[in-house]
Each structure stands twice: as structure tokens, then as C-alpha cells.
Amino acid sequence: MACGVLMLLAVACGDSAAYGGAYAPPVITSSALQPTIEQAQVDRYLAAIEAEETLRRYYADQTATAEARAAAEWQATMTADVQAWNMTATAQAQAWEMTATAVAWQATATAEALARARA
């Protein structure tokens, strides 16, 4: 009896080692169940394809989102650069106008001073 138990234990351990300790599905030899098994395999394959497609769409959405965010950041940077350039151009224009006004006032003051000196 002890010998039978040892043999049963050895066979059980030998079978589970072949599958790495994981559950091994039973072998189906009935031809009546063959269409069901084949349909289950097809369903499993289609589910795997659907899962892969879902991941592809998810990654594509994430990529598009990242690209849109980068484009928005670039646009914000360009807008800020243009505004800074406009402020600089406005300041330069005002400075040139003030310089031209000062030169004109100086010329007028010089002409008036010469006119008074001659009079």
C-alpha cells in the first residue's frame, strides 16, 4: 500500500512539473466537443487581437495628446516671443520719436538763440 501511494505521488509530481506547476487543461479526445474547443480557441485568439488593437489605439491617443500638448506649448512660446518683440519694437519706436523730437527742439532752440543774438 505504501508503495502504491509513493507511485501515485511520483506520477502526480511528474505531471505538474511538465507544466511548471501551473494548471494543465485536460486533453479532450471527444469529437463531439471538437467544434466547441475550436470555437473557444478562435474566441480566445480574437480577444487577444482585440486587446492588442485596444492598446494600439490607447498608445496612438497618448501620442496624439502629447503632440498636441507640445504644439500648444510651442504656440504659447511663439506668442510670448512675438509679444516681447512687439514691446521691444514699440519701445524702440518711442525712443526714436523722442530722439527726433529732442533734435527738433534743439534745432529750434539753437535757431531762436541765434536770432536773439543777432537782434
PDB file of N, CA and C in Angstrom:
ATOM      1  N   MET A   1       0.805  -1.179   0.000  1.00  0.00           N
ATOM      2  CA  MET A   1       0.000   0.000   0.000  1.00  0.00           C
ATOM      3  C   MET A   1       0.858   1.256   0.000  1.00  0.00           C
ATOM      4  N   ALA A   2       1.868   1.311   0.833  1.00  0.00           N
ATOM      5  CA  ALA A   2       2.766   2.456   0.882  1.00  0.00           C
ATOM      6  C   ALA A   2       3.465   2.640  -0.456  1.00  0.00           C
ATOM      7  N   CYS A   3       3.760   1.537  -1.098  1.00  0.00           N
ATOM      8  CA  CYS A   3       4.407   1.596  -2.400  1.00  0.00           C
ATOM      9  C   CYS A   3       3.476   2.231  -3.432  1.00  0.00           C
ATOM     10  N   GLY A   4       2.191   1.922  -3.386  1.00  0.00           N
ATOM     11  CA  GLY A   4       1.195   2.494  -4.302  1.00  0.00           C
ATOM     12  C   GLY A   4       1.037   3.992  -4.104  1.00  0.00           C
ATOM     13  N   VAL A   5       1.052   4.418  -2.844  1.00  0.00           N
ATOM     14  CA  VAL A   5       0.934   5.847  -2.544  1.00  0.00           C
ATOM     15  C   VAL A   5       2.155   6.590  -3.070  1.00  0.00           C
ATOM     16  N   LEU A   6       3.341   5.999  -2.894  1.00  0.00           N
ATOM     17  CA  LEU A   6       4.563   6.628  -3.392  1.00  0.00           C
ATOM     18  C   LEU A   6       4.532   6.742  -4.913  1.00  0.00           C
ATOM     19  N   MET A   7       4.045   5.722  -5.607  1.00  0.00           N
ATOM     20  CA  MET A   7       3.971   5.773  -7.061  1.00  0.00           C
ATOM     21  C   MET A   7       2.969   6.828  -7.516  1.00  0.00           C
ATOM     22  N   LEU A   8       1.831   6.909  -6.847  1.00  0.00           N
ATOM     23  CA  LEU A   8       0.827   7.912  -7.186  1.00  0.00           C
ATOM     24  C   LEU A   8       1.384   9.317  -6.971  1.00  0.00           C
ATOM     25  N   LEU A   9       2.118   9.527  -5.881  1.00  0.00           N
ATOM     26  CA  LEU A   9       2.736  10.809  -5.593  1.00  0.00           C
ATOM     27  C   LEU A   9       3.790  11.150  -6.639  1.00  0.00           C
ATOM     28  N   ALA A  10       4.565  10.179  -7.055  1.00  0.00           N
ATOM     29  CA  ALA A  10       5.600  10.401  -8.062  1.00  0.00           C
ATOM     30  C   ALA A  10       4.981  10.768  -9.405  1.00  0.00           C
ATOM     31  N   VAL A  11       3.911  10.103  -9.787  1.00  0.00           N
ATOM     32  CA  VAL A  11       3.238  10.402 -11.055  1.00  0.00           C
ATOM     33  C   VAL A  11       2.628  11.792 -11.004  1.00  0.00           C
ATOM     34  N   ALA A  12       2.000  12.150  -9.892  1.00  0.00           N
ATOM     35  CA  ALA A  12       1.379  13.468  -9.752  1.00  0.00           C
ATOM     36  C   ALA A  12       2.424  14.572  -9.815  1.00  0.00           C
ATOM     37  N   CYS A  13       3.547  14.371  -9.177  1.00  0.00           N
ATOM     38  CA  CYS A  13       4.616  15.369  -9.206  1.00  0.00           C
ATOM     39  C   CYS A  13       5.233  15.451 -10.593  1.00  0.00           C
ATOM     40  N   GLY A  14       5.351  14.353 -11.249  1.00  0.00           N
ATOM     41  CA  GLY A  14       5.931  14.339 -12.587  1.00  0.00           C
ATOM     42  C   GLY A  14       5.063  15.092 -13.575  1.00  0.00           C
ATOM     43  N   ASP A  15       3.740  14.944 -13.510  1.00  0.00           N
ATOM     44  CA  ASP A  15       2.845  15.649 -14.424  1.00  0.00           C
ATOM     45  C   ASP A  15       2.836  17.150 -14.167  1.00  0.00           C
ATOM     46  N   SER A  16       2.838  17.568 -12.917  1.00  0.00           N
ATOM     47  CA  SER A  16       2.782  19.000 -12.631  1.00  0.00           C
ATOM     48  C   SER A  16       4.096  19.675 -12.987  1.00  0.00           C
ATOM     49  N   ALA A  17       5.192  18.948 -12.939  1.00  0.00           N
ATOM     50  CA  ALA A  17       6.486  19.535 -13.299  1.00  0.00           C
ATOM     51  C   ALA A  17       6.548  19.823 -14.792  1.00  0.00           C
ATOM     52  N   ALA A  18       5.840  19.032 -15.598  1.00  0.00           N
ATOM     53  CA  ALA A  18       5.851  19.249 -17.042  1.00  0.00           C
ATOM     54  C   ALA A  18       5.197  20.568 -17.402  1.00  0.00           C
ATOM     55  N   TYR A  19       4.275  21.032 -16.579  1.00  0.00           N
ATOM     56  CA  TYR A  19       3.595  22.296 -16.843  1.00  0.00           C
ATOM     57  C   TYR A  19       4.101  23.410 -15.942  1.00  0.00           C
ATOM     58  N   GLY A  20       5.226  23.231 -15.321  1.00  0.00           N
ATOM     59  CA  GLY A  20       5.787  24.253 -14.459  1.00  0.00           C
ATOM     60  C   GLY A  20       4.953  24.534 -13.226  1.00  0.00           C
ATOM     61  N   GLY A  21       4.182  23.556 -12.773  1.00  0.00           N
ATOM     62  CA  GLY A  21       3.378  23.744 -11.581  1.00  0.00           C
ATOM     63  C   GLY A  21       2.059  24.441 -11.865  1.00  0.00           C
ATOM     64  N   ALA A  22       1.818  24.877 -13.097  1.00  0.00           N
ATOM     65  CA  ALA A  22       0.571  25.563 -13.441  1.00  0.00           C
ATOM     66  C   ALA A  22      -0.502  24.536 -13.777  1.00  0.00           C
ATOM     67  N   TYR A  23      -1.730  24.993 -13.820  1.00  0.00           N
ATOM     68  CA  TYR A  23      -2.841  24.119 -14.158  1.00  0.00           C
ATOM     69  C   TYR A  23      -2.729  23.695 -15.611  1.00  0.00           C
ATOM     70  N   ALA A  24      -2.855  22.428 -15.868  1.00  0.00           N
ATOM     71  CA  ALA A  24      -2.825  21.904 -17.234  1.00  0.00           C
ATOM     72  C   ALA A  24      -4.234  21.497 -17.613  1.00  0.00           C
ATOM     73  N   PRO A  25      -4.747  22.016 -18.719  1.00  0.00           N
ATOM     74  CA  PRO A  25      -6.109  21.648 -19.112  1.00  0.00           C
ATOM     75  C   PRO A  25      -6.158  20.179 -19.503  1.00  0.00           C
ATOM     76  N   PRO A  26      -7.267  19.544 -19.263  1.00  0.00           N
ATOM     77  CA  PRO A  26      -7.370  18.128 -19.616  1.00  0.00           C
ATOM     78  C   PRO A  26      -7.385  17.959 -21.133  1.00  0.00           C
ATOM     79  N   VAL A  27      -6.893  16.851 -21.594  1.00  0.00           N
ATOM     80  CA  VAL A  27      -6.893  16.551 -23.015  1.00  0.00           C
ATOM     81  C   VAL A  27      -8.286  16.081 -23.397  1.00  0.00           C
ATOM     82  N   ILE A  28      -8.877  16.719 -24.394  1.00  0.00           N
ATOM     83  CA  ILE A  28     -10.221  16.381 -24.853  1.00  0.00           C
ATOM     84  C   ILE A  28     -10.075  15.526 -26.109  1.00  0.00           C
ATOM     85  N   THR A  29     -10.584  14.340 -26.051  1.00  0.00           N
ATOM     86  CA  THR A  29     -10.499  13.444 -27.202  1.00  0.00           C
ATOM     87  C   THR A  29     -11.847  13.213 -27.861  1.00  0.00           C
ATOM     88  N   SER A  30     -12.886  13.768 -27.301  1.00  0.00           N
ATOM     89  CA  SER A  30     -14.224  13.557 -27.839  1.00  0.00           C
ATOM     90  C   SER A  30     -14.406  14.393 -29.097  1.00  0.00           C
ATOM     91  N   SER A  31     -14.814  13.773 -30.187  1.00  0.00           N
ATOM     92  CA  SER A  31     -15.040  14.511 -31.431  1.00  0.00           C
ATOM     93  C   SER A  31     -16.284  15.374 -31.339  1.00  0.00           C
ATOM     94  N   ALA A  32     -17.173  15.071 -30.422  1.00  0.00           N
ATOM     95  CA  ALA A  32     -18.375  15.878 -30.238  1.00  0.00           C
ATOM     96  C   ALA A  32     -18.033  17.250 -29.664  1.00  0.00           C
ATOM     97  N   LEU A  33     -16.969  17.317 -28.864  1.00  0.00           N
ATOM     98  CA  LEU A  33     -16.568  18.588 -28.256  1.00  0.00           C
ATOM     99  C   LEU A  33     -15.578  19.362 -29.121  1.00  0.00           C
ATOM    100  N   GLN A  34     -15.081  18.785 -30.184  1.00  0.00           N
ATOM    101  CA  GLN A  34     -14.060  19.424 -31.008  1.00  0.00           C
ATOM    102  C   GLN A  34     -14.510  20.784 -31.559  1.00  0.00           C
ATOM    103  N   PRO A  35     -15.732  20.932 -32.117  1.00  0.00           N
ATOM    104  CA  PRO A  35     -16.148  22.258 -32.587  1.00  0.00           C
ATOM    105  C   PRO A  35     -16.193  23.297 -31.469  1.00  0.00           C
ATOM    106  N   THR A  36     -16.613  22.889 -30.299  1.00  0.00           N
ATOM    107  CA  THR A  36     -16.662  23.812 -29.159  1.00  0.00           C
ATOM    108  C   THR A  36     -15.267  24.253 -28.771  1.00  0.00           C
ATOM    109  N   ILE A  37     -14.343  23.321 -28.759  1.00  0.00           N
ATOM    110  CA  ILE A  37     -12.952  23.637 -28.412  1.00  0.00           C
ATOM    111  C   ILE A  37     -12.360  24.567 -29.455  1.00  0.00           C
ATOM    112  N   GLU A  38     -12.601  24.266 -30.732  1.00  0.00           N
ATOM    113  CA  GLU A  38     -12.068  25.120 -31.795  1.00  0.00           C
ATOM    114  C   GLU A  38     -12.658  26.525 -31.716  1.00  0.00           C
ATOM    115  N   GLN A  39     -13.960  26.625 -31.438  1.00  0.00           N
ATOM    116  CA  GLN A  39     -14.588  27.942 -31.313  1.00  0.00           C
ATOM    117  C   GLN A  39     -14.011  28.700 -30.121  1.00  0.00           C
ATOM    118  N   ALA A  40     -13.756  28.009 -29.023  1.00  0.00           N
ATOM    119  CA  ALA A  40     -13.151  28.644 -27.850  1.00  0.00           C
ATOM    120  C   ALA A  40     -11.759  29.155 -28.182  1.00  0.00           C
ATOM    121  N   GLN A  41     -10.998  28.393 -28.976  1.00  0.00           N
ATOM    122  CA  GLN A  41      -9.666  28.833 -29.370  1.00  0.00           C
ATOM    123  C   GLN A  41      -9.740  30.054 -30.277  1.00  0.00           C
ATOM    124  N   VAL A  42     -10.703  30.038 -31.205  1.00  0.00           N
ATOM    125  CA  VAL A  42     -10.887  31.194 -32.093  1.00  0.00           C
ATOM    126  C   VAL A  42     -11.300  32.415 -31.271  1.00  0.00           C
ATOM    127  N   ASP A  43     -12.224  32.229 -30.338  1.00  0.00           N
ATOM    128  CA  ASP A  43     -12.660  33.339 -29.487  1.00  0.00           C
ATOM    129  C   ASP A  43     -11.493  33.909 -28.688  1.00  0.00           C
ATOM    130  N   ARG A  44     -10.680  33.036 -28.165  1.00  0.00           N
ATOM    131  CA  ARG A  44      -9.511  33.470 -27.390  1.00  0.00           C
ATOM    132  C   ARG A  44      -8.547  34.252 -28.274  1.00  0.00           C
ATOM    133  N   TYR A  45      -8.324  33.767 -29.495  1.00  0.00           N
ATOM    134  CA  TYR A  45      -7.433  34.447 -30.439  1.00  0.00           C
ATOM    135  C   TYR A  45      -8.002  35.824 -30.799  1.00  0.00           C
ATOM    136  N   LEU A  46      -9.307  35.902 -31.079  1.00  0.00           N
ATOM    137  CA  LEU A  46      -9.928  37.177 -31.415  1.00  0.00           C
ATOM    138  C   LEU A  46      -9.884  38.153 -30.247  1.00  0.00           C
ATOM    139  N   ALA A  47     -10.044  37.646 -29.037  1.00  0.00           N
ATOM    140  CA  ALA A  47      -9.953  38.503 -27.852  1.00  0.00           C
ATOM    141  C   ALA A  47      -8.547  39.070 -27.706  1.00  0.00           C
ATOM    142  N   ALA A  48      -7.544  38.261 -28.015  1.00  0.00           N
ATOM    143  CA  ALA A  48      -6.160  38.743 -27.941  1.00  0.00           C
ATOM    144  C   ALA A  48      -5.912  39.824 -28.986  1.00  0.00           C
ATOM    145  N   ILE A  49      -6.446  39.619 -30.202  1.00  0.00           N
ATOM    146  CA  ILE A  49      -6.296  40.632 -31.253  1.00  0.00           C
ATOM    147  C   ILE A  49      -6.997  41.931 -30.846  1.00  0.00           C
ATOM    148  N   GLU A  50      -8.193  41.804 -30.291  1.00  0.00           N
ATOM    149  CA  GLU A  50      -8.942  42.983 -29.852  1.00  0.00           C
ATOM    150  C   GLU A  50      -8.188  43.723 -28.749  1.00  0.00           C
ATOM    151  N   ALA A  51      -7.581  42.992 -27.836  1.00  0.00           N
ATOM    152  CA  ALA A  51      -6.814  43.617 -26.761  1.00  0.00           C
ATOM    153  C   ALA A  51      -5.610  44.361 -27.330  1.00  0.00           C
ATOM    154  N   GLU A  52      -4.934  43.759 -28.303  1.00  0.00           N
ATOM    155  CA  GLU A  52      -3.793  44.427 -28.932  1.00  0.00           C
ATOM    156  C   GLU A  52      -4.238  45.691 -29.657  1.00  0.00           C
ATOM    157  N   GLU A  53      -5.363  45.629 -30.354  1.00  0.00           N
ATOM    158  CA  GLU A  53      -5.879  46.805 -31.062  1.00  0.00           C
ATOM    159  C   GLU A  53      -6.273  47.899 -30.076  1.00  0.00           C
ATOM    160  N   THR A  54      -6.846  47.515 -28.959  1.00  0.00           N
ATOM    161  CA  THR A  54      -7.185  48.496 -27.925  1.00  0.00           C
ATOM    162  C   THR A  54      -5.930  49.183 -27.417  1.00  0.00           C
ATOM    163  N   LEU A  55      -4.874  48.421 -27.198  1.00  0.00           N
ATOM    164  CA  LEU A  55      -3.611  49.020 -26.759  1.00  0.00           C
ATOM    165  C   LEU A  55      -3.036  49.941 -27.824  1.00  0.00           C
ATOM    166  N   ARG A  56      -3.101  49.528 -29.086  1.00  0.00           N
ATOM    167  CA  ARG A  56      -2.595  50.385 -30.168  1.00  0.00           C
ATOM    168  C   ARG A  56      -3.346  51.715 -30.196  1.00  0.00           C
ATOM    169  N   ARG A  57      -4.687  51.643 -30.067  1.00  0.00           N
ATOM    170  CA  ARG A  57      -5.473  52.879 -30.062  1.00  0.00           C
ATOM    171  C   ARG A  57      -5.129  53.749 -28.857  1.00  0.00           C
ATOM    172  N   TYR A  58      -4.945  53.106 -27.707  1.00  0.00           N
ATOM    173  CA  TYR A  58      -4.585  53.846 -26.499  1.00  0.00           C
ATOM    174  C   TYR A  58      -3.249  54.553 -26.681  1.00  0.00           C
ATOM    175  N   TYR A  59      -2.246  53.824 -27.192  1.00  0.00           N
ATOM    176  CA  TYR A  59      -0.929  54.429 -27.412  1.00  0.00           C
ATOM    177  C   TYR A  59      -1.003  55.537 -28.456  1.00  0.00           C
ATOM    178  N   ALA A  60      -1.808  55.346 -29.503  1.00  0.00           N
ATOM    179  CA  ALA A  60      -1.969  56.388 -30.519  1.00  0.00           C
ATOM    180  C   ALA A  60      -2.610  57.635 -29.915  1.00  0.00           C
ATOM    181  N   ASP A  61      -3.619  57.439 -29.063  1.00  0.00           N
ATOM    182  CA  ASP A  61      -4.255  58.576 -28.394  1.00  0.00           C
ATOM    183  C   ASP A  61      -3.266  59.302 -27.492  1.00  0.00           C
ATOM    184  N   GLN A  62      -2.466  58.535 -26.763  1.00  0.00           N
ATOM    185  CA  GLN A  62      -1.483  59.154 -25.875  1.00  0.00           C
ATOM    186  C   GLN A  62      -0.446  59.938 -26.676  1.00  0.00           C
ATOM    187  N   THR A  63      -0.019  59.375 -27.812  1.00  0.00           N
ATOM    188  CA  THR A  63       0.946  60.061 -28.665  1.00  0.00           C
ATOM    189  C   THR A  63       0.339  61.343 -29.221  1.00  0.00           C
ATOM    190  N   ALA A  64      -0.900  61.257 -29.700  1.00  0.00           N
ATOM    191  CA  ALA A  64      -1.570  62.443 -30.237  1.00  0.00           C
ATOM    192  C   ALA A  64      -1.743  63.505 -29.158  1.00  0.00           C
ATOM    193  N   THR A  65      -2.077  63.082 -27.957  1.00  0.00           N
ATOM    194  CA  THR A  65      -2.236  64.027 -26.849  1.00  0.00           C
ATOM    195  C   THR A  65      -0.906  64.712 -26.539  1.00  0.00           C
ATOM    196  N   ALA A  66       0.159  63.941 -26.498  1.00  0.00           N
ATOM    197  CA  ALA A  66       1.482  64.509 -26.213  1.00  0.00           C
ATOM    198  C   ALA A  66       1.894  65.479 -27.319  1.00  0.00           C
ATOM    199  N   GLU A  67       1.632  65.117 -28.576  1.00  0.00           N
ATOM    200  CA  GLU A  67       1.982  66.002 -29.689  1.00  0.00           C
ATOM    201  C   GLU A  67       1.145  67.281 -29.652  1.00  0.00           C
ATOM    202  N   ALA A  68      -0.128  67.159 -29.319  1.00  0.00           N
ATOM    203  CA  ALA A  68      -0.984  68.347 -29.219  1.00  0.00           C
ATOM    204  C   ALA A  68      -0.512  69.260 -28.091  1.00  0.00           C
ATOM    205  N   ARG A  69      -0.117  68.649 -26.981  1.00  0.00           N
ATOM    206  CA  ARG A  69       0.397  69.436 -25.857  1.00  0.00           C
ATOM    207  C   ARG A  69       1.684  70.158 -26.249  1.00  0.00           C
ATOM    208  N   ALA A  70       2.566  69.466 -26.968  1.00  0.00           N
ATOM    209  CA  ALA A  70       3.817  70.085 -27.419  1.00  0.00           C
ATOM    210  C   ALA A  70       3.527  71.230 -28.396  1.00  0.00           C
ATOM    211  N   ALA A  71       2.549  71.028 -29.285  1.00  0.00           N
ATOM    212  CA  ALA A  71       2.186  72.087 -30.231  1.00  0.00           C
ATOM    213  C   ALA A  71       1.616  73.296 -29.494  1.00  0.00           C
ATOM    214  N   ALA A  72       0.797  73.059 -28.492  1.00  0.00           N
ATOM    215  CA  ALA A  72       0.227  74.161 -27.711  1.00  0.00           C
ATOM    216  C   ALA A  72       1.324  74.915 -26.957  1.00  0.00           C
ATOM    217  N   GLU A  73       2.276  74.179 -26.405  1.00  0.00           N
ATOM    218  CA  GLU A  73       3.395  74.829 -25.710  1.00  0.00           C
ATOM    219  C   GLU A  73       4.226  75.654 -26.682  1.00  0.00           C
ATOM    220  N   TRP A  74       4.464  75.114 -27.890  1.00  0.00           N
ATOM    221  CA  TRP A  74       5.232  75.838 -28.899  1.00  0.00           C
ATOM    222  C   TRP A  74       4.492  77.110 -29.294  1.00  0.00           C
ATOM    223  N   GLN A  75       3.165  76.998 -29.490  1.00  0.00           N
ATOM    224  CA  GLN A  75       2.368  78.160 -29.864  1.00  0.00           C
ATOM    225  C   GLN A  75       2.414  79.215 -28.759  1.00  0.00           C
ATOM    226  N   ALA A  76       2.328  78.795 -27.509  1.00  0.00           N
ATOM    227  CA  ALA A  76       2.390  79.741 -26.391  1.00  0.00           C
ATOM    228  C   ALA A  76       3.753  80.432 -26.352  1.00  0.00           C
ATOM    229  N   THR A  77       4.809  79.672 -26.611  1.00  0.00           N
ATOM    230  CA  THR A  77       6.155  80.253 -26.631  1.00  0.00           C
ATOM    231  C   THR A  77       6.285  81.271 -27.758  1.00  0.00           C
ATOM    232  N   MET A  78       5.788  80.913 -28.933  1.00  0.00           N
ATOM    233  CA  MET A  78       5.859  81.834 -30.071  1.00  0.00           C
ATOM    234  C   MET A  78       5.046  83.093 -29.807  1.00  0.00           C
ATOM    235  N   THR A  79       3.873  82.939 -29.198  1.00  0.00           N
ATOM    236  CA  THR A  79       3.043  84.099 -28.871  1.00  0.00           C
ATOM    237  C   THR A  79       3.768  85.016 -27.896  1.00  0.00           C
ATOM    238  N   ALA A  80       4.391  84.430 -26.890  1.00  0.00           N
ATOM    239  CA  ALA A  80       5.144  85.226 -25.917  1.00  0.00           C
ATOM    240  C   ALA A  80       6.327  85.921 -26.592  1.00  0.00           C
ATOM    241  N   ASP A  81       7.010  85.224 -27.495  1.00  0.00           N
ATOM    242  CA  ASP A  81       8.133  85.831 -28.209  1.00  0.00           C
ATOM    243  C   ASP A  81       7.674  87.004 -29.073  1.00  0.00           C
ATOM    244  N   VAL A  82       6.548  86.839 -29.764  1.00  0.00           N
ATOM    245  CA  VAL A  82       6.027  87.917 -30.613  1.00  0.00           C
ATOM    246  C   VAL A  82       5.618  89.107 -29.759  1.00  0.00           C
ATOM    247  N   GLN A  83       4.974  88.840 -28.637  1.00  0.00           N
ATOM    248  CA  GLN A  83       4.580  89.938 -27.753  1.00  0.00           C
ATOM    249  C   GLN A  83       5.813  90.668 -27.220  1.00  0.00           C
ATOM    250  N   ALA A  84       6.840  89.932 -26.851  1.00  0.00           N
ATOM    251  CA  ALA A  84       8.073  90.556 -26.366  1.00  0.00           C
ATOM    252  C   ALA A  84       8.716  91.381 -27.478  1.00  0.00           C
ATOM    253  N   TRP A  85       8.721  90.840 -28.697  1.00  0.00           N
ATOM    254  CA  TRP A  85       9.300  91.568 -29.812  1.00  0.00           C
ATOM    255  C   TRP A  85       8.510  92.848 -30.088  1.00  0.00           C
ATOM    256  N   ASN A  86       7.170  92.749 -30.037  1.00  0.00           N
ATOM    257  CA  ASN A  86       6.325  93.931 -30.246  1.00  0.00           C
ATOM    258  C   ASN A  86       6.601  94.991 -29.187  1.00  0.00           C
ATOM    259  N   MET A  87       6.765  94.554 -27.932  1.00  0.00           N
ATOM    260  CA  MET A  87       7.052  95.517 -26.866  1.00  0.00           C
ATOM    261  C   MET A  87       8.401  96.183 -27.104  1.00  0.00           C
ATOM    262  N   THR A  88       9.386  95.416 -27.539  1.00  0.00           N
ATOM    263  CA  THR A  88      10.707  95.969 -27.814  1.00  0.00           C
ATOM    264  C   THR A  88      10.639  96.938 -28.986  1.00  0.00           C
ATOM    265  N   ALA A  89       9.920  96.543 -30.053  1.00  0.00           N
ATOM    266  CA  ALA A  89       9.789  97.412 -31.223  1.00  0.00           C
ATOM    267  C   ALA A  89       9.065  98.700 -30.855  1.00  0.00           C
ATOM    268  N   THR A  90       8.040  98.617 -30.032  1.00  0.00           N
ATOM    269  CA  THR A  90       7.310  99.805 -29.597  1.00  0.00           C
ATOM    270  C   THR A  90       8.213 100.708 -28.774  1.00  0.00           C
ATOM    271  N   ALA A  91       8.981 100.119 -27.884  1.00  0.00           N
ATOM    272  CA  ALA A  91       9.898 100.912 -27.059  1.00  0.00           C
ATOM    273  C   ALA A  91      10.955 101.584 -27.931  1.00  0.00           C
ATOM    274  N   GLN A  92      11.462 100.869 -28.921  1.00  0.00           N
ATOM    275  CA  GLN A  92      12.457 101.471 -29.819  1.00  0.00           C
ATOM    276  C   GLN A  92      11.845 102.607 -30.637  1.00  0.00           C
ATOM    277  N   ALA A  93      10.636 102.400 -31.111  1.00  0.00           N
ATOM    278  CA  ALA A  93       9.970 103.443 -31.893  1.00  0.00           C
ATOM    279  C   ALA A  93       9.744 104.689 -31.042  1.00  0.00           C
ATOM    280  N   GLN A  94       9.328 104.485 -29.790  1.00  0.00           N
ATOM    281  CA  GLN A  94       9.131 105.623 -28.897  1.00  0.00           C
ATOM    282  C   GLN A  94      10.458 106.336 -28.622  1.00  0.00           C
ATOM    283  N   ALA A  95      11.513 105.546 -28.452  1.00  0.00           N
ATOM    284  CA  ALA A  95      12.822 106.156 -28.203  1.00  0.00           C
ATOM    285  C   ALA A  95      13.274 106.965 -29.415  1.00  0.00           C
ATOM    286  N   TRP A  96      13.069 106.421 -30.614  1.00  0.00           N
ATOM    287  CA  TRP A  96      13.462 107.164 -31.823  1.00  0.00           C
ATOM    288  C   TRP A  96      12.634 108.440 -31.974  1.00  0.00           C
ATOM    289  N   GLU A  97      11.341 108.344 -31.651  1.00  0.00           N
ATOM    290  CA  GLU A  97      10.473 109.518 -31.737  1.00  0.00           C
ATOM    291  C   GLU A  97      10.920 110.581 -30.747  1.00  0.00           C
ATOM    292  N   MET A  98      11.256 110.139 -29.529  1.00  0.00           N
ATOM    293  CA  MET A  98      11.718 111.093 -28.516  1.00  0.00           C
ATOM    294  C   MET A  98      13.039 111.720 -28.937  1.00  0.00           C
ATOM    295  N   THR A  99      13.915 110.917 -29.551  1.00  0.00           N
ATOM    296  CA  THR A  99      15.196 111.446 -30.014  1.00  0.00           C
ATOM    297  C   THR A  99      14.972 112.467 -31.128  1.00  0.00           C
ATOM    298  N   ALA A 100      14.089 112.126 -32.075  1.00  0.00           N
ATOM    299  CA  ALA A 100      13.805 113.062 -33.174  1.00  0.00           C
ATOM    300  C   ALA A 100      13.185 114.347 -32.635  1.00  0.00           C
ATOM    301  N   THR A 101      12.296 114.232 -31.657  1.00  0.00           N
ATOM    302  CA  THR A 101      11.670 115.410 -31.055  1.00  0.00           C
ATOM    303  C   THR A 101      12.719 116.259 -30.345  1.00  0.00           C
ATOM    304  N   ALA A 102      13.621 115.601 -29.634  1.00  0.00           N
ATOM    305  CA  ALA A 102      14.675 116.333 -28.922  1.00  0.00           C
ATOM    306  C   ALA A 102      15.597 117.048 -29.908  1.00  0.00           C
ATOM    307  N   VAL A 103      15.923 116.389 -31.013  1.00  0.00           N
ATOM    308  CA  VAL A 103      16.780 117.020 -32.026  1.00  0.00           C
ATOM    309  C   VAL A 103      16.056 118.230 -32.627  1.00  0.00           C
ATOM    310  N   ALA A 104      14.754 118.074 -32.889  1.00  0.00           N
ATOM    311  CA  ALA A 104      13.988 119.192 -33.449  1.00  0.00           C
ATOM    312  C   ALA A 104      13.925 120.346 -32.453  1.00  0.00           C
ATOM    313  N   TRP A 105      13.684 120.054 -31.166  1.00  0.00           N
ATOM    314  CA  TRP A 105      13.651 121.112 -30.157  1.00  0.00           C
ATOM    315  C   TRP A 105      15.014 121.796 -30.052  1.00  0.00           C
ATOM    316  N   GLN A 106      16.065 120.999 -30.125  1.00  0.00           N
ATOM    317  CA  GLN A 106      17.412 121.577 -30.029  1.00  0.00           C
ATOM    318  C   GLN A 106      17.661 122.503 -31.212  1.00  0.00           C
ATOM    319  N   ALA A 107      17.258 122.070 -32.410  1.00  0.00           N
ATOM    320  CA  ALA A 107      17.447 122.912 -33.595  1.00  0.00           C
ATOM    321  C   ALA A 107      16.632 124.189 -33.464  1.00  0.00           C
ATOM    322  N   THR A 108      15.414 124.080 -32.965  1.00  0.00           N
ATOM    323  CA  THR A 108      14.561 125.266 -32.785  1.00  0.00           C
ATOM    324  C   THR A 108      15.173 126.194 -31.745  1.00  0.00           C
ATOM    325  N   ALA A 109      15.634 125.614 -30.645  1.00  0.00           N
ATOM    326  CA  ALA A 109      16.240 126.427 -29.589  1.00  0.00           C
ATOM    327  C   ALA A 109      17.503 127.110 -30.094  1.00  0.00           C
ATOM    328  N   THR A 110      18.283 126.390 -30.896  1.00  0.00           N
ATOM    329  CA  THR A 110      19.512 126.968 -31.445  1.00  0.00           C
ATOM    330  C   THR A 110      19.164 128.125 -32.393  1.00  0.00           C
ATOM    331  N   ALA A 111      18.163 127.924 -33.238  1.00  0.00           N
ATOM    332  CA  ALA A 111      17.760 128.977 -34.188  1.00  0.00           C
ATOM    333  C   ALA A 111      17.241 130.194 -33.432  1.00  0.00           C
ATOM    334  N   GLU A 112      16.451 129.959 -32.393  1.00  0.00           N
ATOM    335  CA  GLU A 112      15.935 131.088 -31.607  1.00  0.00           C
ATOM    336  C   GLU A 112      17.072 131.820 -30.901  1.00  0.00           C
ATOM    337  N   ALA A 113      18.034 131.076 -30.391  1.00  0.00           N
ATOM    338  CA  ALA A 113      19.175 131.693 -29.712  1.00  0.00           C
ATOM    339  C   ALA A 113      19.999 132.516 -30.690  1.00  0.00           C
ATOM    340  N   LEU A 114      20.217 132.022 -31.887  1.00  0.00           N
ATOM    341  CA  LEU A 114      20.949 132.778 -32.905  1.00  0.00           C
ATOM    342  C   LEU A 114      20.180 134.022 -33.329  1.00  0.00           C
ATOM    343  N   ALA A 115      18.867 133.864 -33.436  1.00  0.00           N
ATOM    344  CA  ALA A 115      18.047 135.023 -33.821  1.00  0.00           C
ATOM    345  C   ALA A 115      18.092 136.092 -32.743  1.00  0.00           C
ATOM    346  N   ARG A 116      18.068 135.726 -31.485  1.00  0.00           N
ATOM    347  CA  ARG A 116      18.153 136.698 -30.389  1.00  0.00           C
ATOM    348  C   ARG A 116      19.538 137.341 -30.338  1.00  0.00           C
ATOM    349  N   ALA A 117      20.525 136.508 -30.618  1.00  0.00           N
ATOM    350  CA  ALA A 117      21.893 137.054 -30.565  1.00  0.00           C
ATOM    351  C   ALA A 117      22.106 138.056 -31.685  1.00  0.00           C
ATOM    352  N   ARG A 118      21.510 137.887 -32.809  1.00  0.00           N
ATOM    353  CA  ARG A 118      21.680 138.802 -33.946  1.00  0.00           C
ATOM    354  C   ARG A 118      20.805 140.052 -33.754  1.00  0.00           C
ATOM    355  N   ALA A 119      19.794 139.920 -32.984  1.00  0.00           N
ATOM    356  CA  ALA A 119      18.893 141.061 -32.845  1.00  0.00           C
ATOM    357  C   ALA A 119      19.373 142.096 -31.864  1.00  0.00           C
TER     358      ALA A 119
END
